N, C-alpha and C. Protein backbone atom coordinates (compact mmCIF):
# COMPACT_ATOMS: atom_id res chain seq x y z
N MET A 1 10.57 18.41 5.94
CA MET A 1 10.83 17.72 4.69
C MET A 1 9.82 16.58 4.54
N ALA A 2 9.18 16.53 3.40
CA ALA A 2 8.15 15.52 3.16
C ALA A 2 8.80 14.16 2.90
N CYS A 3 8.09 13.12 3.28
CA CYS A 3 8.59 11.76 3.04
C CYS A 3 8.44 11.40 1.57
N ILE A 4 9.11 10.34 1.17
CA ILE A 4 9.10 9.93 -0.24
C ILE A 4 7.68 9.61 -0.72
N PHE A 5 6.85 9.00 0.12
CA PHE A 5 5.50 8.68 -0.31
C PHE A 5 4.65 9.94 -0.44
N CYS A 6 4.87 10.93 0.42
CA CYS A 6 4.16 12.21 0.28
C CYS A 6 4.54 12.87 -1.03
N LYS A 7 5.83 12.77 -1.39
CA LYS A 7 6.30 13.37 -2.65
C LYS A 7 5.71 12.64 -3.86
N ILE A 8 5.56 11.32 -3.77
CA ILE A 8 4.92 10.57 -4.85
C ILE A 8 3.46 11.00 -4.96
N ALA A 9 2.77 11.09 -3.83
CA ALA A 9 1.36 11.48 -3.84
C ALA A 9 1.16 12.89 -4.39
N ALA A 10 2.15 13.76 -4.17
CA ALA A 10 2.07 15.14 -4.66
C ALA A 10 2.54 15.28 -6.10
N GLY A 11 3.05 14.20 -6.69
CA GLY A 11 3.54 14.25 -8.06
C GLY A 11 4.94 14.82 -8.19
N GLU A 12 5.64 14.96 -7.06
CA GLU A 12 7.00 15.50 -7.08
C GLU A 12 8.04 14.44 -7.44
N ILE A 13 7.70 13.18 -7.23
CA ILE A 13 8.56 12.06 -7.61
C ILE A 13 7.74 11.16 -8.53
N ILE A 14 8.35 10.76 -9.62
CA ILE A 14 7.66 9.91 -10.59
C ILE A 14 7.56 8.48 -10.06
N ALA A 15 6.38 7.92 -10.20
CA ALA A 15 6.13 6.52 -9.82
C ALA A 15 5.18 5.93 -10.86
N ASN A 16 5.13 4.62 -10.93
CA ASN A 16 4.23 3.93 -11.84
C ASN A 16 2.86 3.84 -11.15
N ILE A 17 2.12 4.93 -11.21
CA ILE A 17 0.83 5.03 -10.52
C ILE A 17 -0.23 4.25 -11.29
N VAL A 18 -0.94 3.39 -10.56
CA VAL A 18 -1.99 2.58 -11.18
C VAL A 18 -3.39 3.04 -10.77
N TYR A 19 -3.46 3.90 -9.74
CA TYR A 19 -4.76 4.42 -9.29
C TYR A 19 -4.51 5.63 -8.40
N GLN A 20 -5.40 6.60 -8.52
CA GLN A 20 -5.38 7.71 -7.57
C GLN A 20 -6.74 8.39 -7.54
N ASP A 21 -7.07 8.89 -6.37
CA ASP A 21 -8.26 9.71 -6.20
C ASP A 21 -7.92 10.78 -5.17
N GLY A 22 -8.89 11.41 -4.60
CA GLY A 22 -8.64 12.49 -3.66
C GLY A 22 -7.97 12.08 -2.37
N ASN A 23 -8.11 10.81 -1.97
CA ASN A 23 -7.57 10.34 -0.69
C ASN A 23 -6.46 9.29 -0.81
N VAL A 24 -6.42 8.58 -1.92
CA VAL A 24 -5.57 7.39 -2.04
C VAL A 24 -4.74 7.45 -3.32
N VAL A 25 -3.50 6.95 -3.23
CA VAL A 25 -2.64 6.77 -4.39
C VAL A 25 -2.10 5.35 -4.34
N ALA A 26 -2.07 4.68 -5.49
CA ALA A 26 -1.53 3.32 -5.56
C ALA A 26 -0.52 3.27 -6.70
N PHE A 27 0.63 2.65 -6.42
CA PHE A 27 1.69 2.58 -7.43
C PHE A 27 2.46 1.28 -7.27
N ARG A 28 3.11 0.86 -8.35
CA ARG A 28 3.87 -0.38 -8.35
C ARG A 28 5.14 -0.22 -7.52
N ASP A 29 5.43 -1.24 -6.72
CA ASP A 29 6.63 -1.25 -5.89
C ASP A 29 7.86 -1.33 -6.80
N THR A 30 8.89 -0.58 -6.48
CA THR A 30 10.12 -0.59 -7.30
C THR A 30 10.97 -1.82 -7.02
N ASN A 31 10.67 -2.54 -5.97
CA ASN A 31 11.39 -3.78 -5.63
C ASN A 31 10.34 -4.88 -5.40
N PRO A 32 9.64 -5.29 -6.45
CA PRO A 32 8.51 -6.20 -6.28
C PRO A 32 8.91 -7.57 -5.73
N GLN A 33 8.08 -8.09 -4.84
CA GLN A 33 8.29 -9.39 -4.24
C GLN A 33 7.40 -10.46 -4.87
N ALA A 34 6.62 -10.05 -5.86
CA ALA A 34 5.72 -10.96 -6.59
C ALA A 34 5.38 -10.29 -7.92
N PRO A 35 4.79 -11.05 -8.84
CA PRO A 35 4.41 -10.45 -10.13
C PRO A 35 3.51 -9.21 -9.98
N VAL A 36 2.63 -9.24 -9.00
CA VAL A 36 1.83 -8.05 -8.67
C VAL A 36 2.29 -7.59 -7.29
N HIS A 37 2.81 -6.38 -7.22
CA HIS A 37 3.21 -5.79 -5.94
C HIS A 37 2.95 -4.29 -6.04
N ILE A 38 1.84 -3.89 -5.45
CA ILE A 38 1.37 -2.51 -5.52
C ILE A 38 1.30 -1.95 -4.10
N LEU A 39 1.77 -0.73 -3.92
CA LEU A 39 1.66 -0.03 -2.65
C LEU A 39 0.45 0.89 -2.71
N VAL A 40 -0.38 0.83 -1.69
CA VAL A 40 -1.58 1.67 -1.61
C VAL A 40 -1.38 2.57 -0.40
N ILE A 41 -1.37 3.89 -0.64
CA ILE A 41 -1.07 4.85 0.43
C ILE A 41 -2.17 5.90 0.54
N PRO A 42 -2.32 6.47 1.73
CA PRO A 42 -3.19 7.65 1.83
C PRO A 42 -2.40 8.88 1.40
N ARG A 43 -3.08 9.85 0.84
CA ARG A 43 -2.40 11.12 0.54
C ARG A 43 -1.98 11.81 1.84
N GLU A 44 -2.78 11.64 2.86
CA GLU A 44 -2.48 12.22 4.17
C GLU A 44 -1.30 11.49 4.79
N HIS A 45 -0.36 12.25 5.34
CA HIS A 45 0.81 11.63 5.97
C HIS A 45 0.43 11.12 7.36
N ILE A 46 0.47 9.80 7.49
CA ILE A 46 0.29 9.13 8.78
C ILE A 46 1.50 8.22 8.91
N PRO A 47 2.40 8.48 9.86
CA PRO A 47 3.66 7.74 9.91
C PRO A 47 3.52 6.23 10.11
N SER A 48 2.60 5.80 10.94
CA SER A 48 2.50 4.37 11.27
C SER A 48 1.13 4.06 11.85
N LEU A 49 0.80 2.79 11.91
CA LEU A 49 -0.44 2.37 12.56
C LEU A 49 -0.49 2.84 14.01
N THR A 50 0.66 2.93 14.63
CA THR A 50 0.70 3.35 16.04
C THR A 50 0.26 4.81 16.21
N GLU A 51 0.24 5.57 15.15
CA GLU A 51 -0.18 6.97 15.22
C GLU A 51 -1.54 7.22 14.57
N LEU A 52 -2.18 6.14 14.14
CA LEU A 52 -3.50 6.25 13.53
C LEU A 52 -4.53 6.69 14.57
N GLN A 53 -5.33 7.68 14.22
CA GLN A 53 -6.37 8.19 15.10
C GLN A 53 -7.72 7.56 14.73
N PRO A 54 -8.63 7.41 15.69
CA PRO A 54 -9.94 6.83 15.37
C PRO A 54 -10.64 7.54 14.22
N SER A 55 -10.47 8.84 14.09
CA SER A 55 -11.12 9.59 13.01
C SER A 55 -10.57 9.21 11.64
N GLN A 56 -9.41 8.54 11.60
CA GLN A 56 -8.79 8.15 10.33
C GLN A 56 -9.16 6.73 9.91
N SER A 57 -9.96 6.04 10.70
CA SER A 57 -10.37 4.68 10.37
C SER A 57 -11.06 4.56 9.02
N PRO A 58 -11.94 5.49 8.65
CA PRO A 58 -12.54 5.38 7.31
C PRO A 58 -11.50 5.42 6.19
N LEU A 59 -10.44 6.16 6.38
CA LEU A 59 -9.37 6.22 5.38
C LEU A 59 -8.71 4.85 5.22
N MET A 60 -8.52 4.14 6.31
CA MET A 60 -7.94 2.79 6.22
C MET A 60 -8.88 1.87 5.45
N GLY A 61 -10.18 2.05 5.64
CA GLY A 61 -11.15 1.28 4.86
C GLY A 61 -11.02 1.57 3.37
N GLU A 62 -10.77 2.83 3.04
CA GLU A 62 -10.57 3.20 1.63
C GLU A 62 -9.33 2.52 1.05
N LEU A 63 -8.27 2.41 1.85
CA LEU A 63 -7.06 1.73 1.38
C LEU A 63 -7.37 0.28 1.04
N VAL A 64 -8.10 -0.40 1.92
CA VAL A 64 -8.44 -1.80 1.69
C VAL A 64 -9.36 -1.93 0.48
N GLU A 65 -10.37 -1.09 0.39
CA GLU A 65 -11.28 -1.13 -0.76
C GLU A 65 -10.52 -0.93 -2.07
N THR A 66 -9.57 -0.01 -2.06
CA THR A 66 -8.76 0.24 -3.26
C THR A 66 -7.93 -0.99 -3.60
N ALA A 67 -7.32 -1.61 -2.60
CA ALA A 67 -6.51 -2.80 -2.83
C ALA A 67 -7.36 -3.94 -3.41
N VAL A 68 -8.55 -4.13 -2.90
CA VAL A 68 -9.44 -5.18 -3.40
C VAL A 68 -9.82 -4.91 -4.86
N MET A 69 -10.12 -3.65 -5.18
CA MET A 69 -10.44 -3.27 -6.56
C MET A 69 -9.24 -3.52 -7.48
N LEU A 70 -8.04 -3.18 -7.00
CA LEU A 70 -6.84 -3.38 -7.81
C LEU A 70 -6.51 -4.86 -7.99
N ALA A 71 -6.79 -5.67 -6.97
CA ALA A 71 -6.57 -7.11 -7.10
C ALA A 71 -7.44 -7.66 -8.23
N GLU A 72 -8.67 -7.19 -8.31
CA GLU A 72 -9.54 -7.62 -9.40
C GLU A 72 -8.99 -7.11 -10.74
N ARG A 73 -8.62 -5.85 -10.79
CA ARG A 73 -8.10 -5.26 -12.03
C ARG A 73 -6.83 -5.96 -12.50
N GLU A 74 -5.99 -6.40 -11.56
CA GLU A 74 -4.73 -7.07 -11.88
C GLU A 74 -4.91 -8.56 -12.15
N GLY A 75 -6.11 -9.08 -11.93
CA GLY A 75 -6.40 -10.47 -12.23
C GLY A 75 -5.94 -11.47 -11.18
N VAL A 76 -5.75 -11.03 -9.94
CA VAL A 76 -5.33 -11.96 -8.89
C VAL A 76 -6.43 -12.19 -7.85
N ASP A 77 -7.60 -11.63 -8.09
CA ASP A 77 -8.68 -11.76 -7.11
C ASP A 77 -9.18 -13.20 -6.98
N GLN A 78 -9.15 -13.98 -8.04
CA GLN A 78 -9.63 -15.36 -7.97
C GLN A 78 -8.56 -16.33 -7.48
N SER A 79 -7.32 -16.13 -7.89
CA SER A 79 -6.23 -17.04 -7.48
C SER A 79 -5.76 -16.75 -6.06
N GLY A 80 -5.90 -15.52 -5.62
CA GLY A 80 -5.53 -15.16 -4.26
C GLY A 80 -4.44 -14.10 -4.23
N TYR A 81 -4.46 -13.32 -3.18
CA TYR A 81 -3.49 -12.26 -2.99
C TYR A 81 -3.34 -11.99 -1.51
N ARG A 82 -2.34 -11.24 -1.18
CA ARG A 82 -2.08 -10.92 0.22
C ARG A 82 -2.05 -9.40 0.37
N LEU A 83 -2.64 -8.92 1.46
CA LEU A 83 -2.54 -7.52 1.85
C LEU A 83 -1.66 -7.47 3.09
N VAL A 84 -0.60 -6.67 3.04
CA VAL A 84 0.35 -6.59 4.14
C VAL A 84 0.43 -5.15 4.61
N LEU A 85 0.36 -4.97 5.92
CA LEU A 85 0.47 -3.66 6.54
C LEU A 85 1.46 -3.78 7.68
N ASN A 86 2.66 -3.26 7.48
CA ASN A 86 3.72 -3.36 8.49
C ASN A 86 3.67 -2.15 9.42
N ALA A 87 4.01 -2.37 10.68
CA ALA A 87 4.04 -1.28 11.66
C ALA A 87 5.36 -1.36 12.43
N GLY A 88 6.27 -0.47 12.14
CA GLY A 88 7.55 -0.40 12.85
C GLY A 88 8.66 -1.16 12.15
N LYS A 89 9.87 -0.84 12.54
CA LYS A 89 11.06 -1.40 11.89
C LYS A 89 11.14 -2.92 12.01
N ASP A 90 10.85 -3.48 13.19
CA ASP A 90 10.93 -4.93 13.35
C ASP A 90 9.94 -5.68 12.46
N ALA A 91 8.88 -5.01 12.05
CA ALA A 91 7.89 -5.63 11.16
C ALA A 91 8.26 -5.44 9.70
N GLY A 92 9.26 -4.61 9.44
CA GLY A 92 9.70 -4.39 8.07
C GLY A 92 9.21 -3.10 7.46
N GLN A 93 8.66 -2.19 8.27
CA GLN A 93 8.21 -0.91 7.72
C GLN A 93 9.43 -0.05 7.39
N ALA A 94 9.68 0.15 6.10
CA ALA A 94 10.86 0.89 5.66
C ALA A 94 10.60 2.37 5.45
N VAL A 95 9.35 2.74 5.17
CA VAL A 95 8.99 4.14 4.96
C VAL A 95 7.97 4.51 6.02
N GLU A 96 8.22 5.61 6.73
CA GLU A 96 7.31 6.05 7.79
C GLU A 96 6.13 6.82 7.21
N HIS A 97 5.29 6.08 6.53
CA HIS A 97 4.03 6.57 5.95
C HIS A 97 3.20 5.31 5.77
N ILE A 98 2.05 5.25 6.42
CA ILE A 98 1.23 4.05 6.32
C ILE A 98 1.07 3.65 4.86
N HIS A 99 1.28 2.37 4.59
CA HIS A 99 1.08 1.85 3.24
C HIS A 99 0.71 0.38 3.30
N LEU A 100 -0.13 0.02 2.39
CA LEU A 100 -0.64 -1.34 2.27
C LEU A 100 0.01 -1.96 1.05
N HIS A 101 0.59 -3.15 1.22
CA HIS A 101 1.15 -3.88 0.10
C HIS A 101 0.09 -4.83 -0.44
N LEU A 102 -0.19 -4.75 -1.72
CA LEU A 102 -1.01 -5.73 -2.42
C LEU A 102 -0.03 -6.63 -3.17
N VAL A 103 0.02 -7.90 -2.78
CA VAL A 103 0.99 -8.83 -3.35
C VAL A 103 0.24 -10.05 -3.89
N GLY A 104 0.51 -10.41 -5.14
CA GLY A 104 -0.15 -11.57 -5.72
C GLY A 104 0.50 -12.01 -7.01
N GLY A 105 -0.09 -13.00 -7.61
CA GLY A 105 0.43 -13.51 -8.87
C GLY A 105 1.36 -14.69 -8.70
N ARG A 106 1.51 -15.18 -7.48
CA ARG A 106 2.30 -16.38 -7.21
C ARG A 106 1.79 -16.97 -5.89
N ALA A 107 2.13 -18.23 -5.66
CA ALA A 107 1.76 -18.87 -4.39
C ALA A 107 2.55 -18.25 -3.25
N MET A 108 1.88 -17.99 -2.14
CA MET A 108 2.50 -17.40 -0.96
C MET A 108 2.81 -18.50 0.06
N GLN A 109 3.80 -18.26 0.87
CA GLN A 109 4.18 -19.21 1.93
C GLN A 109 3.70 -18.67 3.28
N TRP A 110 3.58 -19.58 4.25
CA TRP A 110 3.23 -19.18 5.63
C TRP A 110 4.03 -20.03 6.58
N PRO A 111 4.64 -19.49 7.60
CA PRO A 111 4.61 -18.09 7.97
C PRO A 111 5.46 -17.24 7.04
N PRO A 112 5.12 -15.93 6.95
CA PRO A 112 5.78 -15.07 5.98
C PRO A 112 7.20 -14.65 6.33
N GLY A 113 7.59 -14.58 7.56
CA GLY A 113 8.87 -13.95 7.89
C GLY A 113 9.99 -14.88 7.98
């Protein structure tokens, strides 16, 4: 059974997609934590950073490049934004499919947790 993010990437579940290409899909989070909250995922199912293979490193670069492009498109590149990549339940990873959170449009606090 495919995970929810795989189904979104395949077009089986409707999402507010803001970008997609052959390797990456980006869509608005349904429970946004800031005015801009976009999830950037690979089409390829990779459950977690702990299962990332060295050959998949270029794909992670594509996720970051996409997030940076979207930050500019969303108008938060100058004011600032946060990229979050959780690994495992204790870190807050709710879906077992690598995903990058692009969060911006408000002041962020530190530490985050």
